[in-house]
Amino acid sequence: MARSALQLPDGTYELRQGDKVKIVSADSLDKEATAFFADEPEPVPQSVSPANFCIALDQLGLLDEVEAYVSTLPRAAQIKWQRATSIDRDNPLIAAAADIKKWSVEQVDEVFRLAASM
C-alpha cells in the first residue's frame, strides 16, 4: 500500500496511505506521521532477489533450516531453487516450506519485508 506525505500550499501536510488521508500541521508532522503509518505494516513485496532472501533468512536464524529443507527436495527442485533469478512470495516451494516448518504467514512476510529492505 502506497504511503506519502505531501506539503500543501498552506504549509500543512497531507498524509496518505491507501484510501486513508489525514491533514496535519508542520509542527506535528513527525508525531502524526509516525502514528498514522504505524498501524499498517509495510507491504509485502511479491518478489525479492535470491541473495537478499538468503541474507534475510540468515539474519533471522532460518537459513540453515531452509537449506536443510531444500536438500531433501527432488534434484529438479533443488536446481530451480539454486538457480532462481527471483524469489516470489507466491512460489509453491515457499508455501510448502512454511507449512512443513510451521511458519506463520506473518513470519514468511517478515522474511520478504526484510529481504526487500536490503
PDB file of N, CA and C in Angstrom:
ATOM      1  N   MET A   1       0.850  -1.172   0.000  1.00  0.00           N
ATOM      2  CA  MET A   1       0.000   0.000   0.000  1.00  0.00           C
ATOM      3  C   MET A   1       0.893   1.231   0.000  1.00  0.00           C
ATOM      4  N   ALA A   2       0.636   2.129  -0.908  1.00  0.00           N
ATOM      5  CA  ALA A   2       1.460   3.327  -1.059  1.00  0.00           C
ATOM      6  C   ALA A   2       1.247   4.290   0.109  1.00  0.00           C
ATOM      7  N   ARG A   3       2.344   4.881   0.541  1.00  0.00           N
ATOM      8  CA  ARG A   3       2.327   5.872   1.619  1.00  0.00           C
ATOM      9  C   ARG A   3       2.954   7.144   1.094  1.00  0.00           C
ATOM     10  N   SER A   4       2.403   8.292   1.516  1.00  0.00           N
ATOM     11  CA  SER A   4       3.017   9.551   1.108  1.00  0.00           C
ATOM     12  C   SER A   4       2.686  10.642   2.101  1.00  0.00           C
ATOM     13  N   ALA A   5       3.560  11.650   2.122  1.00  0.00           N
ATOM     14  CA  ALA A   5       3.342  12.872   2.891  1.00  0.00           C
ATOM     15  C   ALA A   5       3.641  14.021   1.938  1.00  0.00           C
ATOM     16  N   LEU A   6       2.641  14.802   1.655  1.00  0.00           N
ATOM     17  CA  LEU A   6       2.750  15.884   0.672  1.00  0.00           C
ATOM     18  C   LEU A   6       2.496  17.218   1.354  1.00  0.00           C
ATOM     19  N   GLN A   7       3.420  18.173   1.163  1.00  0.00           N
ATOM     20  CA  GLN A   7       3.210  19.503   1.730  1.00  0.00           C
ATOM     21  C   GLN A   7       2.204  20.254   0.870  1.00  0.00           C
ATOM     22  N   LEU A   8       1.215  20.830   1.526  1.00  0.00           N
ATOM     23  CA  LEU A   8       0.172  21.590   0.845  1.00  0.00           C
ATOM     24  C   LEU A   8       0.544  23.070   0.818  1.00  0.00           C
ATOM     25  N   PRO A   9      -0.084  23.854  -0.069  1.00  0.00           N
ATOM     26  CA  PRO A   9       0.243  25.287  -0.193  1.00  0.00           C
ATOM     27  C   PRO A   9       0.126  26.067   1.112  1.00  0.00           C
ATOM     28  N   ASP A  10      -0.757  25.662   2.003  1.00  0.00           N
ATOM     29  CA  ASP A  10      -0.930  26.403   3.261  1.00  0.00           C
ATOM     30  C   ASP A  10       0.068  26.003   4.338  1.00  0.00           C
ATOM     31  N   GLY A  11       1.029  25.105   4.009  1.00  0.00           N
ATOM     32  CA  GLY A  11       2.054  24.699   4.972  1.00  0.00           C
ATOM     33  C   GLY A  11       1.703  23.456   5.762  1.00  0.00           C
ATOM     34  N   THR A  12       0.486  22.972   5.631  1.00  0.00           N
ATOM     35  CA  THR A  12       0.124  21.723   6.292  1.00  0.00           C
ATOM     36  C   THR A  12       0.584  20.558   5.414  1.00  0.00           C
ATOM     37  N   TYR A  13       0.430  19.356   5.934  1.00  0.00           N
ATOM     38  CA  TYR A  13       0.840  18.164   5.197  1.00  0.00           C
ATOM     39  C   TYR A  13      -0.337  17.203   5.066  1.00  0.00           C
ATOM     40  N   GLU A  14      -0.424  16.608   3.902  1.00  0.00           N
ATOM     41  CA  GLU A  14      -1.423  15.569   3.668  1.00  0.00           C
ATOM     42  C   GLU A  14      -0.712  14.225   3.779  1.00  0.00           C
ATOM     43  N   LEU A  15      -1.150  13.426   4.739  1.00  0.00           N
ATOM     44  CA  LEU A  15      -0.635  12.062   4.885  1.00  0.00           C
ATOM     45  C   LEU A  15      -1.611  11.144   4.162  1.00  0.00           C
ATOM     46  N   ARG A  16      -1.095  10.259   3.353  1.00  0.00           N
ATOM     47  CA  ARG A  16      -1.967   9.373   2.586  1.00  0.00           C
ATOM     48  C   ARG A  16      -1.399   7.954   2.652  1.00  0.00           C
ATOM     49  N   GLN A  17      -2.281   7.033   2.948  1.00  0.00           N
ATOM     50  CA  GLN A  17      -1.938   5.617   2.957  1.00  0.00           C
ATOM     51  C   GLN A  17      -3.139   4.867   2.410  1.00  0.00           C
ATOM     52  N   GLY A  18      -3.002   4.386   1.182  1.00  0.00           N
ATOM     53  CA  GLY A  18      -4.138   3.739   0.544  1.00  0.00           C
ATOM     54  C   GLY A  18      -5.287   4.720   0.435  1.00  0.00           C
ATOM     55  N   ASP A  19      -6.434   4.373   0.997  1.00  0.00           N
ATOM     56  CA  ASP A  19      -7.613   5.242   0.970  1.00  0.00           C
ATOM     57  C   ASP A  19      -7.681   6.205   2.150  1.00  0.00           C
ATOM     58  N   LYS A  20      -6.775   6.049   3.117  1.00  0.00           N
ATOM     59  CA  LYS A  20      -6.788   6.910   4.299  1.00  0.00           C
ATOM     60  C   LYS A  20      -6.027   8.202   4.017  1.00  0.00           C
ATOM     61  N   VAL A  21      -6.608   9.325   4.444  1.00  0.00           N
ATOM     62  CA  VAL A  21      -5.977  10.639   4.275  1.00  0.00           C
ATOM     63  C   VAL A  21      -6.135  11.412   5.577  1.00  0.00           C
ATOM     64  N   LYS A  22      -5.074  12.121   5.954  1.00  0.00           N
ATOM     65  CA  LYS A  22      -5.125  12.954   7.155  1.00  0.00           C
ATOM     66  C   LYS A  22      -4.302  14.207   6.891  1.00  0.00           C
ATOM     67  N   ILE A  23      -4.820  15.363   7.286  1.00  0.00           N
ATOM     68  CA  ILE A  23      -4.120  16.637   7.163  1.00  0.00           C
ATOM     69  C   ILE A  23      -3.566  16.993   8.541  1.00  0.00           C
ATOM     70  N   VAL A  24      -2.258  17.328   8.586  1.00  0.00           N
ATOM     71  CA  VAL A  24      -1.614  17.657   9.860  1.00  0.00           C
ATOM     72  C   VAL A  24      -0.779  18.917   9.705  1.00  0.00           C
ATOM     73  N   SER A  25      -0.500  19.561  10.822  1.00  0.00           N
ATOM     74  CA  SER A  25       0.333  20.767  10.792  1.00  0.00           C
ATOM     75  C   SER A  25       1.800  20.365  10.674  1.00  0.00           C
ATOM     76  N   ALA A  26       2.613  21.310  10.219  1.00  0.00           N
ATOM     77  CA  ALA A  26       4.048  21.053  10.097  1.00  0.00           C
ATOM     78  C   ALA A  26       4.661  20.752  11.462  1.00  0.00           C
ATOM     79  N   ASP A  27       4.152  21.431  12.520  1.00  0.00           N
ATOM     80  CA  ASP A  27       4.687  21.244  13.871  1.00  0.00           C
ATOM     81  C   ASP A  27       4.483  19.819  14.384  1.00  0.00           C
ATOM     82  N   SER A  28       3.411  19.190  13.966  1.00  0.00           N
ATOM     83  CA  SER A  28       3.108  17.853  14.475  1.00  0.00           C
ATOM     84  C   SER A  28       3.355  16.752  13.446  1.00  0.00           C
ATOM     85  N   LEU A  29       4.015  17.087  12.347  1.00  0.00           N
ATOM     86  CA  LEU A  29       4.189  16.128  11.256  1.00  0.00           C
ATOM     87  C   LEU A  29       4.852  14.829  11.712  1.00  0.00           C
ATOM     88  N   ASP A  30       5.989  14.920  12.389  1.00  0.00           N
ATOM     89  CA  ASP A  30       6.702  13.699  12.781  1.00  0.00           C
ATOM     90  C   ASP A  30       5.845  12.795  13.655  1.00  0.00           C
ATOM     91  N   LYS A  31       5.251  13.377  14.680  1.00  0.00           N
ATOM     92  CA  LYS A  31       4.427  12.601  15.612  1.00  0.00           C
ATOM     93  C   LYS A  31       3.207  12.019  14.901  1.00  0.00           C
ATOM     94  N   GLU A  32       2.528  12.843  14.144  1.00  0.00           N
ATOM     95  CA  GLU A  32       1.306  12.406  13.454  1.00  0.00           C
ATOM     96  C   GLU A  32       1.604  11.358  12.379  1.00  0.00           C
ATOM     97  N   ALA A  33       2.685  11.557  11.633  1.00  0.00           N
ATOM     98  CA  ALA A  33       3.036  10.597  10.582  1.00  0.00           C
ATOM     99  C   ALA A  33       3.399   9.253  11.189  1.00  0.00           C
ATOM    100  N   THR A  34       4.140   9.278  12.279  1.00  0.00           N
ATOM    101  CA  THR A  34       4.503   8.029  12.949  1.00  0.00           C
ATOM    102  C   THR A  34       3.255   7.273  13.387  1.00  0.00           C
ATOM    103  N   ALA A  35       2.327   7.964  13.997  1.00  0.00           N
ATOM    104  CA  ALA A  35       1.088   7.323  14.444  1.00  0.00           C
ATOM    105  C   ALA A  35       0.226   6.879  13.270  1.00  0.00           C
ATOM    106  N   PHE A  36       0.140   7.710  12.249  1.00  0.00           N
ATOM    107  CA  PHE A  36      -0.718   7.420  11.101  1.00  0.00           C
ATOM    108  C   PHE A  36      -0.238   6.175  10.351  1.00  0.00           C
ATOM    109  N   PHE A  37       1.069   6.061  10.167  1.00  0.00           N
ATOM    110  CA  PHE A  37       1.606   4.947   9.395  1.00  0.00           C
ATOM    111  C   PHE A  37       1.899   3.710  10.251  1.00  0.00           C
ATOM    112  N   ALA A  38       1.917   3.855  11.560  1.00  0.00           N
ATOM    113  CA  ALA A  38       2.294   2.746  12.435  1.00  0.00           C
ATOM    114  C   ALA A  38       1.300   1.594  12.423  1.00  0.00           C
ATOM    115  N   ASP A  39       0.040   1.876  12.198  1.00  0.00           N
ATOM    116  CA  ASP A  39      -0.959   0.808  12.280  1.00  0.00           C
ATOM    117  C   ASP A  39      -0.954  -0.113  11.073  1.00  0.00           C
ATOM    118  N   GLU A  40      -0.270   0.258  10.034  1.00  0.00           N
ATOM    119  CA  GLU A  40      -0.218  -0.562   8.829  1.00  0.00           C
ATOM    120  C   GLU A  40       1.210  -1.032   8.594  1.00  0.00           C
ATOM    121  N   PRO A  41       1.426  -2.344   8.520  1.00  0.00           N
ATOM    122  CA  PRO A  41       2.779  -2.815   8.228  1.00  0.00           C
ATOM    123  C   PRO A  41       3.166  -2.479   6.788  1.00  0.00           C
ATOM    124  N   GLU A  42       4.448  -2.469   6.547  1.00  0.00           N
ATOM    125  CA  GLU A  42       4.932  -2.276   5.182  1.00  0.00           C
ATOM    126  C   GLU A  42       4.318  -3.348   4.301  1.00  0.00           C
ATOM    127  N   PRO A  43       4.045  -3.031   3.046  1.00  0.00           N
ATOM    128  CA  PRO A  43       3.506  -4.051   2.153  1.00  0.00           C
ATOM    129  C   PRO A  43       4.526  -5.174   1.951  1.00  0.00           C
ATOM    130  N   VAL A  44       4.025  -6.347   1.687  1.00  0.00           N
ATOM    131  CA  VAL A  44       4.892  -7.492   1.454  1.00  0.00           C
ATOM    132  C   VAL A  44       5.291  -7.488  -0.021  1.00  0.00           C
ATOM    133  N   PRO A  45       6.579  -7.433  -0.302  1.00  0.00           N
ATOM    134  CA  PRO A  45       6.999  -7.462  -1.704  1.00  0.00           C
ATOM    135  C   PRO A  45       6.652  -8.816  -2.317  1.00  0.00           C
ATOM    136  N   GLN A  46       6.287  -8.809  -3.569  1.00  0.00           N
ATOM    137  CA  GLN A  46       5.918 -10.050  -4.235  1.00  0.00           C
ATOM    138  C   GLN A  46       7.126 -10.800  -4.772  1.00  0.00           C
ATOM    139  N   SER A  47       8.285 -10.128  -4.834  1.00  0.00           N
ATOM    140  CA  SER A  47       9.483 -10.766  -5.353  1.00  0.00           C
ATOM    141  C   SER A  47      10.709 -10.085  -4.766  1.00  0.00           C
ATOM    142  N   VAL A  48      11.709 -10.892  -4.423  1.00  0.00           N
ATOM    143  CA  VAL A  48      12.979 -10.361  -3.924  1.00  0.00           C
ATOM    144  C   VAL A  48      14.115 -11.144  -4.572  1.00  0.00           C
ATOM    145  N   SER A  49      15.316 -10.612  -4.492  1.00  0.00           N
ATOM    146  CA  SER A  49      16.454 -11.322  -5.066  1.00  0.00           C
ATOM    147  C   SER A  49      16.808 -12.518  -4.185  1.00  0.00           C
ATOM    148  N   PRO A  50      17.320 -13.586  -4.797  1.00  0.00           N
ATOM    149  CA  PRO A  50      17.724 -14.745  -4.004  1.00  0.00           C
ATOM    150  C   PRO A  50      18.781 -14.404  -2.954  1.00  0.00           C
ATOM    151  N   ALA A  51      19.739 -13.554  -3.317  1.00  0.00           N
ATOM    152  CA  ALA A  51      20.784 -13.189  -2.354  1.00  0.00           C
ATOM    153  C   ALA A  51      20.178 -12.485  -1.143  1.00  0.00           C
ATOM    154  N   ASN A  52      19.308 -11.499  -1.372  1.00  0.00           N
ATOM    155  CA  ASN A  52      18.690 -10.781  -0.256  1.00  0.00           C
ATOM    156  C   ASN A  52      17.793 -11.700   0.565  1.00  0.00           C
ATOM    157  N   PHE A  53      17.108 -12.621  -0.105  1.00  0.00           N
ATOM    158  CA  PHE A  53      16.257 -13.570   0.608  1.00  0.00           C
ATOM    159  C   PHE A  53      17.101 -14.428   1.555  1.00  0.00           C
ATOM    160  N   CYS A  54      18.231 -14.931   1.067  1.00  0.00           N
ATOM    161  CA  CYS A  54      19.093 -15.769   1.903  1.00  0.00           C
ATOM    162  C   CYS A  54      19.724 -14.972   3.037  1.00  0.00           C
ATOM    163  N   ILE A  55      20.105 -13.726   2.760  1.00  0.00           N
ATOM    164  CA  ILE A  55      20.656 -12.883   3.827  1.00  0.00           C
ATOM    165  C   ILE A  55      19.600 -12.635   4.897  1.00  0.00           C
ATOM    166  N   ALA A  56      18.369 -12.370   4.483  1.00  0.00           N
ATOM    167  CA  ALA A  56      17.282 -12.167   5.447  1.00  0.00           C
ATOM    168  C   ALA A  56      17.057 -13.430   6.270  1.00  0.00           C
ATOM    169  N   LEU A  57      17.039 -14.579   5.607  1.00  0.00           N
ATOM    170  CA  LEU A  57      16.890 -15.846   6.339  1.00  0.00           C
ATOM    171  C   LEU A  57      18.014 -16.011   7.356  1.00  0.00           C
ATOM    172  N   ASP A  58      19.238 -15.685   6.941  1.00  0.00           N
ATOM    173  CA  ASP A  58      20.385 -15.811   7.839  1.00  0.00           C
ATOM    174  C   ASP A  58      20.240 -14.873   9.033  1.00  0.00           C
ATOM    175  N   GLN A  59      19.833 -13.637   8.788  1.00  0.00           N
ATOM    176  CA  GLN A  59      19.676 -12.676   9.887  1.00  0.00           C
ATOM    177  C   GLN A  59      18.591 -13.109  10.875  1.00  0.00           C
ATOM    178  N   LEU A  60      17.602 -13.835  10.369  1.00  0.00           N
ATOM    179  CA  LEU A  60      16.520 -14.316  11.232  1.00  0.00           C
ATOM    180  C   LEU A  60      16.812 -15.697  11.815  1.00  0.00           C
ATOM    181  N   GLY A  61      17.996 -16.232  11.518  1.00  0.00           N
ATOM    182  CA  GLY A  61      18.384 -17.536  12.052  1.00  0.00           C
ATOM    183  C   GLY A  61      17.686 -18.711  11.377  1.00  0.00           C
ATOM    184  N   LEU A  62      17.236 -18.522  10.133  1.00  0.00           N
ATOM    185  CA  LEU A  62      16.473 -19.556   9.445  1.00  0.00           C
ATOM    186  C   LEU A  62      17.190 -20.167   8.240  1.00  0.00           C
ATOM    187  N   LEU A  63      18.332 -19.625   7.863  1.00  0.00           N
ATOM    188  CA  LEU A  63      18.976 -20.071   6.631  1.00  0.00           C
ATOM    189  C   LEU A  63      19.371 -21.545   6.688  1.00  0.00           C
ATOM    190  N   ASP A  64      19.986 -21.994   7.772  1.00  0.00           N
ATOM    191  CA  ASP A  64      20.389 -23.401   7.864  1.00  0.00           C
ATOM    192  C   ASP A  64      19.188 -24.326   7.759  1.00  0.00           C
ATOM    193  N   GLU A  65      18.094 -23.937   8.392  1.00  0.00           N
ATOM    194  CA  GLU A  65      16.865 -24.729   8.357  1.00  0.00           C
ATOM    195  C   GLU A  65      16.312 -24.824   6.928  1.00  0.00           C
ATOM    196  N   VAL A  66      16.328 -23.716   6.203  1.00  0.00           N
ATOM    197  CA  VAL A  66      15.830 -23.714   4.830  1.00  0.00           C
ATOM    198  C   VAL A  66      16.753 -24.527   3.927  1.00  0.00           C
ATOM    199  N   GLU A  67      18.060 -24.346   4.079  1.00  0.00           N
ATOM    200  CA  GLU A  67      18.994 -25.116   3.259  1.00  0.00           C
ATOM    201  C   GLU A  67      18.858 -26.610   3.516  1.00  0.00           C
ATOM    202  N   ALA A  68      18.637 -26.991   4.771  1.00  0.00           N
ATOM    203  CA  ALA A  68      18.427 -28.411   5.090  1.00  0.00           C
ATOM    204  C   ALA A  68      17.155 -28.924   4.430  1.00  0.00           C
ATOM    205  N   TYR A  69      16.108 -28.099   4.446  1.00  0.00           N
ATOM    206  CA  TYR A  69      14.845 -28.495   3.795  1.00  0.00           C
ATOM    207  C   TYR A  69      15.040 -28.656   2.287  1.00  0.00           C
ATOM    208  N   VAL A  70      15.699 -27.696   1.660  1.00  0.00           N
ATOM    209  CA  VAL A  70      15.908 -27.752   0.212  1.00  0.00           C
ATOM    210  C   VAL A  70      16.693 -29.009  -0.162  1.00  0.00           C
ATOM    211  N   SER A  71      17.626 -29.422   0.687  1.00  0.00           N
ATOM    212  CA  SER A  71      18.435 -30.612   0.383  1.00  0.00           C
ATOM    213  C   SER A  71      17.606 -31.892   0.367  1.00  0.00           C
ATOM    214  N   THR A  72      16.411 -31.850   0.940  1.00  0.00           N
ATOM    215  CA  THR A  72      15.541 -33.038   0.938  1.00  0.00           C
ATOM    216  C   THR A  72      14.637 -33.102  -0.294  1.00  0.00           C
ATOM    217  N   LEU A  73      14.629 -32.062  -1.089  1.00  0.00           N
ATOM    218  CA  LEU A  73      13.747 -31.979  -2.253  1.00  0.00           C
ATOM    219  C   LEU A  73      14.317 -32.767  -3.429  1.00  0.00           C
ATOM    220  N   PRO A  74      13.467 -33.112  -4.396  1.00  0.00           N
ATOM    221  CA  PRO A  74      13.979 -33.744  -5.611  1.00  0.00           C
ATOM    222  C   PRO A  74      15.015 -32.849  -6.294  1.00  0.00           C
ATOM    223  N   ARG A  75      15.914 -33.469  -7.030  1.00  0.00           N
ATOM    224  CA  ARG A  75      17.023 -32.758  -7.663  1.00  0.00           C
ATOM    225  C   ARG A  75      16.549 -31.569  -8.507  1.00  0.00           C
ATOM    226  N   ALA A  76      15.476 -31.740  -9.268  1.00  0.00           N
ATOM    227  CA  ALA A  76      14.975 -30.653 -10.121  1.00  0.00           C
ATOM    228  C   ALA A  76      14.560 -29.448  -9.286  1.00  0.00           C
ATOM    229  N   ALA A  77      13.919 -29.677  -8.162  1.00  0.00           N
ATOM    230  CA  ALA A  77      13.504 -28.573  -7.284  1.00  0.00           C
ATOM    231  C   ALA A  77      14.722 -27.881  -6.688  1.00  0.00           C
ATOM    232  N   GLN A  78      15.742 -28.647  -6.326  1.00  0.00           N
ATOM    233  CA  GLN A  78      16.967 -28.050  -5.789  1.00  0.00           C
ATOM    234  C   GLN A  78      17.635 -27.150  -6.835  1.00  0.00           C
ATOM    235  N   ILE A  79      17.677 -27.630  -8.066  1.00  0.00           N
ATOM    236  CA  ILE A  79      18.290 -26.845  -9.143  1.00  0.00           C
ATOM    237  C   ILE A  79      17.511 -25.553  -9.377  1.00  0.00           C
ATOM    238  N   LYS A  80      16.182 -25.649  -9.391  1.00  0.00           N
ATOM    239  CA  LYS A  80      15.365 -24.436  -9.565  1.00  0.00           C
ATOM    240  C   LYS A  80      15.627 -23.445  -8.438  1.00  0.00           C
ATOM    241  N   TRP A  81      15.725 -23.938  -7.223  1.00  0.00           N
ATOM    242  CA  TRP A  81      15.964 -23.071  -6.073  1.00  0.00           C
ATOM    243  C   TRP A  81      17.340 -22.414  -6.163  1.00  0.00           C
ATOM    244  N   GLN A  82      18.357 -23.220  -6.472  1.00  0.00           N
ATOM    245  CA  GLN A  82      19.731 -22.723  -6.502  1.00  0.00           C
ATOM    246  C   GLN A  82      19.980 -21.746  -7.644  1.00  0.00           C
ATOM    247  N   ARG A  83      19.219 -21.854  -8.716  1.00  0.00           N
ATOM    248  CA  ARG A  83      19.464 -21.018  -9.885  1.00  0.00           C
ATOM    249  C   ARG A  83      18.363 -19.985 -10.137  1.00  0.00           C
ATOM    250  N   ALA A  84      17.534 -19.789  -9.146  1.00  0.00           N
ATOM    251  CA  ALA A  84      16.434 -18.825  -9.285  1.00  0.00           C
ATOM    252  C   ALA A  84      16.982 -17.418  -9.492  1.00  0.00           C
ATOM    253  N   THR A  85      16.294 -16.648 -10.317  1.00  0.00           N
ATOM    254  CA  THR A  85      16.678 -15.250 -10.523  1.00  0.00           C
ATOM    255  C   THR A  85      15.857 -14.317  -9.641  1.00  0.00           C
ATOM    256  N   SER A  86      14.789 -14.852  -9.053  1.00  0.00           N
ATOM    257  CA  SER A  86      13.998 -14.105  -8.076  1.00  0.00           C
ATOM    258  C   SER A  86      13.293 -15.120  -7.191  1.00  0.00           C
ATOM    259  N   ILE A  87      12.946 -14.674  -5.997  1.00  0.00           N
ATOM    260  CA  ILE A  87      12.159 -15.493  -5.071  1.00  0.00           C
ATOM    261  C   ILE A  87      10.803 -14.811  -4.968  1.00  0.00           C
ATOM    262  N   ASP A  88       9.784 -15.509  -5.420  1.00  0.00           N
ATOM    263  CA  ASP A  88       8.434 -14.953  -5.454  1.00  0.00           C
ATOM    264  C   ASP A  88       7.640 -15.384  -4.234  1.00  0.00           C
ATOM    265  N   ARG A  89       6.885 -14.450  -3.669  1.00  0.00           N
ATOM    266  CA  ARG A  89       6.098 -14.726  -2.469  1.00  0.00           C
ATOM    267  C   ARG A  89       5.085 -15.838  -2.712  1.00  0.00           C
ATOM    268  N   ASP A  90       4.575 -15.965  -3.930  1.00  0.00           N
ATOM    269  CA  ASP A  90       3.566 -16.989  -4.209  1.00  0.00           C
ATOM    270  C   ASP A  90       4.168 -18.282  -4.760  1.00  0.00           C
ATOM    271  N   ASN A  91       5.485 -18.450  -4.654  1.00  0.00           N
ATOM    272  CA  ASN A  91       6.144 -19.669  -5.096  1.00  0.00           C
ATOM    273  C   ASN A  91       5.644 -20.846  -4.246  1.00  0.00           C
ATOM    274  N   PRO A  92       5.193 -21.933  -4.866  1.00  0.00           N
ATOM    275  CA  PRO A  92       4.704 -23.086  -4.106  1.00  0.00           C
ATOM    276  C   PRO A  92       5.748 -23.657  -3.151  1.00  0.00           C
ATOM    277  N   LEU A  93       7.021 -23.535  -3.485  1.00  0.00           N
ATOM    278  CA  LEU A  93       8.075 -24.017  -2.593  1.00  0.00           C
ATOM    279  C   LEU A  93       8.087 -23.236  -1.283  1.00  0.00           C
ATOM    280  N   ILE A  94       7.833 -21.949  -1.356  1.00  0.00           N
ATOM    281  CA  ILE A  94       7.770 -21.116  -0.140  1.00  0.00           C
ATOM    282  C   ILE A  94       6.613 -21.588   0.732  1.00  0.00           C
ATOM    283  N   ALA A  95       5.462 -21.804   0.121  1.00  0.00           N
ATOM    284  CA  ALA A  95       4.286 -22.276   0.871  1.00  0.00           C
ATOM    285  C   ALA A  95       4.533 -23.652   1.482  1.00  0.00           C
ATOM    286  N   ALA A  96       5.154 -24.554   0.727  1.00  0.00           N
ATOM    287  CA  ALA A  96       5.423 -25.904   1.233  1.00  0.00           C
ATOM    288  C   ALA A  96       6.407 -25.868   2.398  1.00  0.00           C
ATOM    289  N   ALA A  97       7.468 -25.071   2.262  1.00  0.00           N
ATOM    290  CA  ALA A  97       8.453 -24.957   3.339  1.00  0.00           C
ATOM    291  C   ALA A  97       7.818 -24.368   4.590  1.00  0.00           C
ATOM    292  N   ALA A  98       7.012 -23.339   4.410  1.00  0.00           N
ATOM    293  CA  ALA A  98       6.342 -22.710   5.552  1.00  0.00           C
ATOM    294  C   ALA A  98       5.415 -23.697   6.241  1.00  0.00           C
ATOM    295  N   ASP A  99       4.707 -24.482   5.457  1.00  0.00           N
ATOM    296  CA  ASP A  99       3.788 -25.473   6.022  1.00  0.00           C
ATOM    297  C   ASP A  99       4.548 -26.541   6.811  1.00  0.00           C
ATOM    298  N   ILE A 100       5.593 -27.060   6.235  1.00  0.00           N
ATOM    299  CA  ILE A 100       6.374 -28.114   6.890  1.00  0.00           C
ATOM    300  C   ILE A 100       7.064 -27.588   8.145  1.00  0.00           C
ATOM    301  N   LYS A 101       7.587 -26.379   8.074  1.00  0.00           N
ATOM    302  CA  LYS A 101       8.310 -25.803   9.212  1.00  0.00           C
ATOM    303  C   LYS A 101       7.383 -25.122  10.217  1.00  0.00           C
ATOM    304  N   LYS A 102       6.102 -25.091   9.894  1.00  0.00           N
ATOM    305  CA  LYS A 102       5.095 -24.480  10.787  1.00  0.00           C
ATOM    306  C   LYS A 102       5.331 -22.984  10.974  1.00  0.00           C
ATOM    307  N   TRP A 103       5.726 -22.303   9.882  1.00  0.00           N
ATOM    308  CA  TRP A 103       5.892 -20.860   9.924  1.00  0.00           C
ATOM    309  C   TRP A 103       4.567 -20.209   9.604  1.00  0.00           C
ATOM    310  N   SER A 104       4.264 -19.151  10.306  1.00  0.00           N
ATOM    311  CA  SER A 104       3.032 -18.410  10.053  1.00  0.00           C
ATOM    312  C   SER A 104       3.197 -17.552   8.806  1.00  0.00           C
ATOM    313  N   VAL A 105       2.086 -17.103   8.264  1.00  0.00           N
ATOM    314  CA  VAL A 105       2.107 -16.183   7.128  1.00  0.00           C
ATOM    315  C   VAL A 105       2.899 -14.933   7.509  1.00  0.00           C
ATOM    316  N   GLU A 106       2.720 -14.459   8.738  1.00  0.00           N
ATOM    317  CA  GLU A 106       3.422 -13.263   9.192  1.00  0.00           C
ATOM    318  C   GLU A 106       4.933 -13.474   9.215  1.00  0.00           C
ATOM    319  N   GLN A 107       5.392 -14.677   9.598  1.00  0.00           N
ATOM    320  CA  GLN A 107       6.827 -14.948   9.620  1.00  0.00           C
ATOM    321  C   GLN A 107       7.405 -14.924   8.199  1.00  0.00           C
ATOM    322  N   VAL A 108       6.697 -15.522   7.260  1.00  0.00           N
ATOM    323  CA  VAL A 108       7.161 -15.522   5.872  1.00  0.00           C
ATOM    324  C   VAL A 108       7.159 -14.094   5.331  1.00  0.00           C
ATOM    325  N   ASP A 109       6.112 -13.349   5.625  1.00  0.00           N
ATOM    326  CA  ASP A 109       6.044 -11.951   5.186  1.00  0.00           C
ATOM    327  C   ASP A 109       7.222 -11.148   5.746  1.00  0.00           C
ATOM    328  N   GLU A 110       7.597 -11.429   6.995  1.00  0.00           N
ATOM    329  CA  GLU A 110       8.719 -10.723   7.618  1.00  0.00           C
ATOM    330  C   GLU A 110      10.013 -10.969   6.846  1.00  0.00           C
ATOM    331  N   VAL A 111      10.225 -12.204   6.385  1.00  0.00           N
ATOM    332  CA  VAL A 111      11.424 -12.513   5.611  1.00  0.00           C
ATOM    333  C   VAL A 111      11.434 -11.680   4.322  1.00  0.00           C
ATOM    334  N   PHE A 112      10.292 -11.634   3.642  1.00  0.00           N
ATOM    335  CA  PHE A 112      10.216 -10.874   2.395  1.00  0.00           C
ATOM    336  C   PHE A 112      10.398  -9.372   2.634  1.00  0.00           C
ATOM    337  N   ARG A 113       9.822  -8.847   3.710  1.00  0.00           N
ATOM    338  CA  ARG A 113      10.000  -7.418   4.004  1.00  0.00           C
ATOM    339  C   ARG A 113      11.470  -7.105   4.307  1.00  0.00           C
ATOM    340  N   LEU A 114      12.086  -7.971   5.104  1.00  0.00           N
ATOM    341  CA  LEU A 114      13.495  -7.755   5.449  1.00  0.00           C
ATOM    342  C   LEU A 114      14.362  -7.854   4.196  1.00  0.00           C
ATOM    343  N   ALA A 115      14.112  -8.843   3.362  1.00  0.00           N
ATOM    344  CA  ALA A 115      14.890  -9.007   2.133  1.00  0.00           C
ATOM    345  C   ALA A 115      14.743  -7.771   1.221  1.00  0.00           C
ATOM    346  N   ALA A 116      13.561  -7.233   1.151  1.00  0.00           N
ATOM    347  CA  ALA A 116      13.323  -6.055   0.285  1.00  0.00           C
ATOM    348  C   ALA A 116      13.983  -4.805   0.845  1.00  0.00           C
ATOM    349  N   SER A 117      14.253  -4.776   2.137  1.00  0.00           N
ATOM    350  CA  SER A 117      14.831  -3.580   2.753  1.00  0.00           C
ATOM    351  C   SER A 117      16.338  -3.487   2.555  1.00  0.00           C
ATOM    352  N   MET A 118      16.927  -4.504   1.995  1.00  0.00           N
ATOM    353  CA  MET A 118      18.401  -4.530   1.852  1.00  0.00           C
ATOM    354  C   MET A 118      18.852  -3.890   0.564  1.00  0.00           C
TER     355      MET A 118
END
